[in-house]
Structures are given as C-alpha cells and as structure tokens.
Amino acid sequence: ATNPASTALMDMRAAEAQQEGIIKRRI
C-alpha cells in the first residue's frame, strides 16, 4: 500500500553526482 520514496539505484545516482559536485535533478 506504500510507494517507495526512493530506490537503491536512485540513491546510487545521487551519490555519484555528489562525488562530482553536481546537484542531481530527480524528475
């Protein structure tokens, strides 16, 4: 009944962007 707020893949993409100093958009 609950939709996932995030996923491991989303978190991984965000972490990769953070390492590069990029603010990752999420649409």
PDB file of all heavy atoms in Angstrom:
ATOM      1  N   ALA A   1       0.800  -1.228   0.000  1.00  0.00           N
ATOM      2  CA  ALA A   1       0.000   0.000   0.000  1.00  0.00           C
ATOM      3  C   ALA A   1       0.827   1.270   0.000  1.00  0.00           C
ATOM      4  O   ALA A   1       0.288   2.364  -0.130  1.00  0.00           O
ATOM      5  CB  ALA A   1      -0.927   0.001   1.223  1.00  0.00           C
ATOM      6  N   THR A   2       2.153   1.144   0.139  1.00  0.00           N
ATOM      7  CA  THR A   2       3.025   2.322   0.225  1.00  0.00           C
ATOM      8  C   THR A   2       4.006   2.332  -0.931  1.00  0.00           C
ATOM      9  O   THR A   2       4.687   1.327  -1.184  1.00  0.00           O
ATOM     10  CB  THR A   2       3.802   2.324   1.549  1.00  0.00           C
ATOM     11  OG1 THR A   2       2.886   2.263   2.648  1.00  0.00           O
ATOM     12  CG2 THR A   2       4.653   3.580   1.668  1.00  0.00           C
ATOM     13  N   ASN A   3       4.087   3.448  -1.617  1.00  0.00           N
ATOM     14  CA  ASN A   3       5.035   3.572  -2.724  1.00  0.00           C
ATOM     15  C   ASN A   3       6.425   3.885  -2.187  1.00  0.00           C
ATOM     16  O   ASN A   3       6.562   4.690  -1.259  1.00  0.00           O
ATOM     17  CB  ASN A   3       4.592   4.685  -3.676  1.00  0.00           C
ATOM     18  CG  ASN A   3       3.226   4.427  -4.270  1.00  0.00           C
ATOM     19  OD1 ASN A   3       2.845   3.285  -4.506  1.00  0.00           O
ATOM     20  ND2 ASN A   3       2.471   5.496  -4.506  1.00  0.00           N
ATOM     21  N   PRO A   4       7.476   3.285  -2.732  1.00  0.00           N
ATOM     22  CA  PRO A   4       8.826   3.560  -2.247  1.00  0.00           C
ATOM     23  C   PRO A   4       9.218   5.017  -2.469  1.00  0.00           C
ATOM     24  O   PRO A   4       9.020   5.561  -3.558  1.00  0.00           O
ATOM     25  CB  PRO A   4       9.701   2.610  -3.075  1.00  0.00           C
ATOM     26  CG  PRO A   4       8.892   2.326  -4.298  1.00  0.00           C
ATOM     27  CD  PRO A   4       7.461   2.340  -3.860  1.00  0.00           C
ATOM     28  N   ALA A   5       9.761   5.648  -1.437  1.00  0.00           N
ATOM     29  CA  ALA A   5      10.168   7.056  -1.544  1.00  0.00           C
ATOM     30  C   ALA A   5      11.403   7.207  -2.415  1.00  0.00           C
ATOM     31  O   ALA A   5      11.612   8.242  -3.049  1.00  0.00           O
ATOM     32  CB  ALA A   5      10.428   7.627  -0.153  1.00  0.00           C
ATOM     33  N   SER A   6      12.224   6.161  -2.459  1.00  0.00           N
ATOM     34  CA  SER A   6      13.437   6.182  -3.258  1.00  0.00           C
ATOM     35  C   SER A   6      13.819   4.741  -3.557  1.00  0.00           C
ATOM     36  O   SER A   6      13.156   3.802  -3.108  1.00  0.00           O
ATOM     37  CB  SER A   6      14.567   6.900  -2.515  1.00  0.00           C
ATOM     38  OG  SER A   6      15.703   7.040  -3.343  1.00  0.00           O
ATOM     39  N   THR A   7      14.871   4.544  -4.322  1.00  0.00           N
ATOM     40  CA  THR A   7      15.375   3.206  -4.620  1.00  0.00           C
ATOM     41  C   THR A   7      16.889   3.210  -4.475  1.00  0.00           C
ATOM     42  O   THR A   7      17.534   4.266  -4.447  1.00  0.00           O
ATOM     43  CB  THR A   7      15.014   2.763  -6.047  1.00  0.00           C
ATOM     44  OG1 THR A   7      15.784   3.541  -6.990  1.00  0.00           O
ATOM     45  CG2 THR A   7      13.528   2.936  -6.331  1.00  0.00           C
ATOM     46  N   ALA A   8      17.462   2.022  -4.422  1.00  0.00           N
ATOM     47  CA  ALA A   8      18.922   1.918  -4.330  1.00  0.00           C
ATOM     48  C   ALA A   8      19.588   2.545  -5.550  1.00  0.00           C
ATOM     49  O   ALA A   8      20.638   3.181  -5.440  1.00  0.00           O
ATOM     50  CB  ALA A   8      19.340   0.448  -4.199  1.00  0.00           C
ATOM     51  N   LEU A   9      18.970   2.365  -6.719  1.00  0.00           N
ATOM     52  CA  LEU A   9      19.555   2.938  -7.932  1.00  0.00           C
ATOM     53  C   LEU A   9      19.491   4.457  -7.916  1.00  0.00           C
ATOM     54  O   LEU A   9      20.442   5.140  -8.293  1.00  0.00           O
ATOM     55  CB  LEU A   9      18.837   2.388  -9.163  1.00  0.00           C
ATOM     56  CG  LEU A   9      19.388   2.835 -10.520  1.00  0.00           C
ATOM     57  CD1 LEU A   9      20.872   2.535 -10.645  1.00  0.00           C
ATOM     58  CD2 LEU A   9      18.611   2.169 -11.651  1.00  0.00           C
ATOM     59  N   MET A  10      18.372   5.015  -7.453  1.00  0.00           N
ATOM     60  CA  MET A  10      18.266   6.470  -7.327  1.00  0.00           C
ATOM     61  C   MET A  10      19.318   7.005  -6.367  1.00  0.00           C
ATOM     62  O   MET A  10      19.970   8.020  -6.640  1.00  0.00           O
ATOM     63  CB  MET A  10      16.873   6.854  -6.820  1.00  0.00           C
ATOM     64  CG  MET A  10      15.749   6.614  -7.794  1.00  0.00           C
ATOM     65  SD  MET A  10      14.136   7.016  -7.055  1.00  0.00           S
ATOM     66  CE  MET A  10      13.011   6.463  -8.337  1.00  0.00           C
ATOM     67  N   ASP A  11      19.472   6.332  -5.237  1.00  0.00           N
ATOM     68  CA  ASP A  11      20.450   6.763  -4.241  1.00  0.00           C
ATOM     69  C   ASP A  11      21.868   6.672  -4.791  1.00  0.00           C
ATOM     70  O   ASP A  11      22.716   7.537  -4.500  1.00  0.00           O
ATOM     71  CB  ASP A  11      20.326   5.915  -2.975  1.00  0.00           C
ATOM     72  CG  ASP A  11      18.993   6.124  -2.264  1.00  0.00           C
ATOM     73  OD1 ASP A  11      18.332   7.141  -2.540  1.00  0.00           O
ATOM     74  OD2 ASP A  11      18.608   5.256  -1.447  1.00  0.00           O
ATOM     75  N   MET A  12      22.127   5.628  -5.585  1.00  0.00           N
ATOM     76  CA  MET A  12      23.457   5.472  -6.159  1.00  0.00           C
ATOM     77  C   MET A  12      23.756   6.590  -7.153  1.00  0.00           C
ATOM     78  O   MET A  12      24.844   7.163  -7.167  1.00  0.00           O
ATOM     79  CB  MET A  12      23.578   4.115  -6.849  1.00  0.00           C
ATOM     80  CG  MET A  12      25.003   3.787  -7.279  1.00  0.00           C
ATOM     81  SD  MET A  12      25.113   2.242  -8.215  1.00  0.00           S
ATOM     82  CE  MET A  12      24.603   2.798  -9.836  1.00  0.00           C
ATOM     83  N   ARG A  13      22.768   6.924  -7.995  1.00  0.00           N
ATOM     84  CA  ARG A  13      22.958   8.009  -8.961  1.00  0.00           C
ATOM     85  C   ARG A  13      23.200   9.340  -8.232  1.00  0.00           C
ATOM     86  O   ARG A  13      24.042  10.151  -8.654  1.00  0.00           O
ATOM     87  CB  ARG A  13      21.732   8.131  -9.859  1.00  0.00           C
ATOM     88  CG  ARG A  13      21.466   6.918 -10.741  1.00  0.00           C
ATOM     89  CD  ARG A  13      22.533   6.753 -11.773  1.00  0.00           C
ATOM     90  NE  ARG A  13      22.149   5.727 -12.742  1.00  0.00           N
ATOM     91  CZ  ARG A  13      22.893   4.693 -13.086  1.00  0.00           C
ATOM     92  NH1 ARG A  13      24.103   4.542 -12.542  1.00  0.00           N
ATOM     93  NH2 ARG A  13      22.481   3.806 -13.967  1.00  0.00           N
ATOM     94  N   ALA A  14      22.469   9.575  -7.146  1.00  0.00           N
ATOM     95  CA  ALA A  14      22.634  10.812  -6.381  1.00  0.00           C
ATOM     96  C   ALA A  14      24.019  10.875  -5.743  1.00  0.00           C
ATOM     97  O   ALA A  14      24.664  11.936  -5.722  1.00  0.00           O
ATOM     98  CB  ALA A  14      21.561  10.906  -5.309  1.00  0.00           C
ATOM     99  N   ALA A  15      24.493   9.724  -5.224  1.00  0.00           N
ATOM    100  CA  ALA A  15      25.820   9.676  -4.602  1.00  0.00           C
ATOM    101  C   ALA A  15      26.909   9.925  -5.636  1.00  0.00           C
ATOM    102  O   ALA A  15      27.899  10.624  -5.363  1.00  0.00           O
ATOM    103  CB  ALA A  15      26.024   8.323  -3.925  1.00  0.00           C
ATOM    104  N   GLU A  16      26.748   9.366  -6.830  1.00  0.00           N
ATOM    105  CA  GLU A  16      27.713   9.586  -7.905  1.00  0.00           C
ATOM    106  C   GLU A  16      27.784  11.073  -8.267  1.00  0.00           C
ATOM    107  O   GLU A  16      28.879  11.621  -8.466  1.00  0.00           O
ATOM    108  CB  GLU A  16      27.316   8.773  -9.139  1.00  0.00           C
ATOM    109  CG  GLU A  16      27.472   7.272  -8.971  1.00  0.00           C
ATOM    110  CD  GLU A  16      26.886   6.492 -10.137  1.00  0.00           C
ATOM    111  OE1 GLU A  16      26.129   7.093 -10.944  1.00  0.00           O
ATOM    112  OE2 GLU A  16      27.170   5.290 -10.242  1.00  0.00           O
ATOM    113  N   ALA A  17      26.625  11.702  -8.341  1.00  0.00           N
ATOM    114  CA  ALA A  17      26.581  13.124  -8.681  1.00  0.00           C
ATOM    115  C   ALA A  17      27.224  13.969  -7.592  1.00  0.00           C
ATOM    116  O   ALA A  17      27.946  14.931  -7.869  1.00  0.00           O
ATOM    117  CB  ALA A  17      25.128  13.559  -8.910  1.00  0.00           C
ATOM    118  N   GLN A  18      26.963  13.598  -6.345  1.00  0.00           N
ATOM    119  CA  GLN A  18      27.528  14.352  -5.217  1.00  0.00           C
ATOM    120  C   GLN A  18      29.048  14.284  -5.226  1.00  0.00           C
ATOM    121  O   GLN A  18      29.725  15.279  -4.935  1.00  0.00           O
ATOM    122  CB  GLN A  18      26.976  13.803  -3.904  1.00  0.00           C
ATOM    123  CG  GLN A  18      27.399  14.615  -2.687  1.00  0.00           C
ATOM    124  CD  GLN A  18      26.745  14.113  -1.418  1.00  0.00           C
ATOM    125  OE1 GLN A  18      26.307  12.968  -1.331  1.00  0.00           O
ATOM    126  NE2 GLN A  18      26.675  14.962  -0.406  1.00  0.00           N
ATOM    127  N   GLN A  19      29.592  13.137  -5.565  1.00  0.00           N
ATOM    128  CA  GLN A  19      31.043  12.988  -5.644  1.00  0.00           C
ATOM    129  C   GLN A  19      31.638  13.897  -6.712  1.00  0.00           C
ATOM    130  O   GLN A  19      32.780  14.331  -6.606  1.00  0.00           O
ATOM    131  CB  GLN A  19      31.405  11.530  -5.931  1.00  0.00           C
ATOM    132  CG  GLN A  19      31.147  10.585  -4.761  1.00  0.00           C
ATOM    133  CD  GLN A  19      31.496   9.148  -5.088  1.00  0.00           C
ATOM    134  OE1 GLN A  19      31.777   8.812  -6.241  1.00  0.00           O
ATOM    135  NE2 GLN A  19      31.487   8.286  -4.081  1.00  0.00           N
ATOM    136  N   GLU A  20      30.853  14.177  -7.742  1.00  0.00           N
ATOM    137  CA  GLU A  20      31.309  15.036  -8.831  1.00  0.00           C
ATOM    138  C   GLU A  20      30.957  16.498  -8.585  1.00  0.00           C
ATOM    139  O   GLU A  20      31.205  17.355  -9.433  1.00  0.00           O
ATOM    140  CB  GLU A  20      30.685  14.576 -10.150  1.00  0.00           C
ATOM    141  CG  GLU A  20      31.087  13.162 -10.548  1.00  0.00           C
ATOM    142  CD  GLU A  20      30.346  12.676 -11.773  1.00  0.00           C
ATOM    143  OE1 GLU A  20      29.558  13.473 -12.339  1.00  0.00           O
ATOM    144  OE2 GLU A  20      30.539  11.514 -12.167  1.00  0.00           O
ATOM    145  N   GLY A  21      30.344  16.775  -7.426  1.00  0.00           N
ATOM    146  CA  GLY A  21      29.959  18.132  -7.103  1.00  0.00           C
ATOM    147  C   GLY A  21      28.760  18.635  -7.882  1.00  0.00           C
ATOM    148  O   GLY A  21      28.608  19.839  -8.105  1.00  0.00           O
ATOM    149  N   ILE A  22      27.909  17.716  -8.288  1.00  0.00           N
ATOM    150  CA  ILE A  22      26.736  18.063  -9.089  1.00  0.00           C
ATOM    151  C   ILE A  22      25.470  17.875  -8.255  1.00  0.00           C
ATOM    152  O   ILE A  22      25.351  16.918  -7.494  1.00  0.00           O
ATOM    153  CB  ILE A  22      26.647  17.171 -10.349  1.00  0.00           C
ATOM    154  CG1 ILE A  22      27.907  17.329 -11.202  1.00  0.00           C
ATOM    155  CG2 ILE A  22      25.389  17.496 -11.149  1.00  0.00           C
ATOM    156  CD1 ILE A  22      27.984  16.351 -12.348  1.00  0.00           C
ATOM    157  N   ILE A  23      24.536  18.801  -8.401  1.00  0.00           N
ATOM    158  CA  ILE A  23      23.227  18.634  -7.781  1.00  0.00           C
ATOM    159  C   ILE A  23      22.362  17.866  -8.765  1.00  0.00           C
ATOM    160  O   ILE A  23      21.985  18.386  -9.818  1.00  0.00           O
ATOM    161  CB  ILE A  23      22.579  19.990  -7.443  1.00  0.00           C
ATOM    162  CG1 ILE A  23      23.451  20.753  -6.434  1.00  0.00           C
ATOM    163  CG2 ILE A  23      21.175  19.781  -6.879  1.00  0.00           C
ATOM    164  CD1 ILE A  23      22.921  22.136  -6.116  1.00  0.00           C
ATOM    165  N   LYS A  24      22.062  16.627  -8.437  1.00  0.00           N
ATOM    166  CA  LYS A  24      21.354  15.746  -9.351  1.00  0.00           C
ATOM    167  C   LYS A  24      19.857  16.040  -9.327  1.00  0.00           C
ATOM    168  O   LYS A  24      19.230  16.021  -8.277  1.00  0.00           O
ATOM    169  CB  LYS A  24      21.592  14.286  -8.938  1.00  0.00           C
ATOM    170  CG  LYS A  24      21.132  13.253  -9.961  1.00  0.00           C
ATOM    171  CD  LYS A  24      22.098  13.158 -11.111  1.00  0.00           C
ATOM    172  CE  LYS A  24      21.811  11.954 -11.976  1.00  0.00           C
ATOM    173  NZ  LYS A  24      22.762  11.812 -13.089  1.00  0.00           N
ATOM    174  N   ARG A  25      19.297  16.315 -10.495  1.00  0.00           N
ATOM    175  CA  ARG A  25      17.853  16.506 -10.572  1.00  0.00           C
ATOM    176  C   ARG A  25      17.164  15.150 -10.458  1.00  0.00           C
ATOM    177  O   ARG A  25      17.738  14.113 -10.799  1.00  0.00           O
ATOM    178  CB  ARG A  25      17.463  17.164 -11.885  1.00  0.00           C
ATOM    179  CG  ARG A  25      17.682  16.269 -13.111  1.00  0.00           C
ATOM    180  CD  ARG A  25      17.158  16.884 -14.387  1.00  0.00           C
ATOM    181  NE  ARG A  25      17.332  15.995 -15.528  1.00  0.00           N
ATOM    182  CZ  ARG A  25      16.823  16.208 -16.733  1.00  0.00           C
ATOM    183  NH1 ARG A  25      16.119  17.305 -16.944  1.00  0.00           N
ATOM    184  NH2 ARG A  25      17.017  15.359 -17.719  1.00  0.00           N
ATOM    185  N   ARG A  26      15.943  15.154  -9.977  1.00  0.00           N
ATOM    186  CA  ARG A  26      15.148  13.937  -9.911  1.00  0.00           C
ATOM    187  C   ARG A  26      13.733  14.274 -10.345  1.00  0.00           C
ATOM    188  O   ARG A  26      13.009  14.983  -9.655  1.00  0.00           O
ATOM    189  CB  ARG A  26      15.157  13.343  -8.506  1.00  0.00           C
ATOM    190  CG  ARG A  26      14.224  12.134  -8.361  1.00  0.00           C
ATOM    191  CD  ARG A  26      14.349  11.501  -7.002  1.00  0.00           C
ATOM    192  NE  ARG A  26      13.207  10.647  -6.717  1.00  0.00           N
ATOM    193  CZ  ARG A  26      13.032   9.990  -5.571  1.00  0.00           C
ATOM    194  NH1 ARG A  26      13.933  10.096  -4.608  1.00  0.00           N
ATOM    195  NH2 ARG A  26      11.968   9.243  -5.382  1.00  0.00           N
ATOM    196  N   ILE A  27      13.360  13.772 -11.506  1.00  0.00           N
ATOM    197  CA  ILE A  27      12.027  14.020 -12.050  1.00  0.00           C
ATOM    198  C   ILE A  27      11.242  12.714 -11.994  1.00  0.00           C
ATOM    199  O   ILE A  27      11.591  11.742 -12.669  1.00  0.00           O
ATOM    200  CB  ILE A  27      12.097  14.540 -13.492  1.00  0.00           C
ATOM    201  CG1 ILE A  27      12.965  15.797 -13.563  1.00  0.00           C
ATOM    202  CG2 ILE A  27      10.702  14.818 -14.036  1.00  0.00           C
ATOM    203  CD1 ILE A  27      13.256  16.264 -14.964  1.00  0.00           C
TER     204      ILE A  27
END
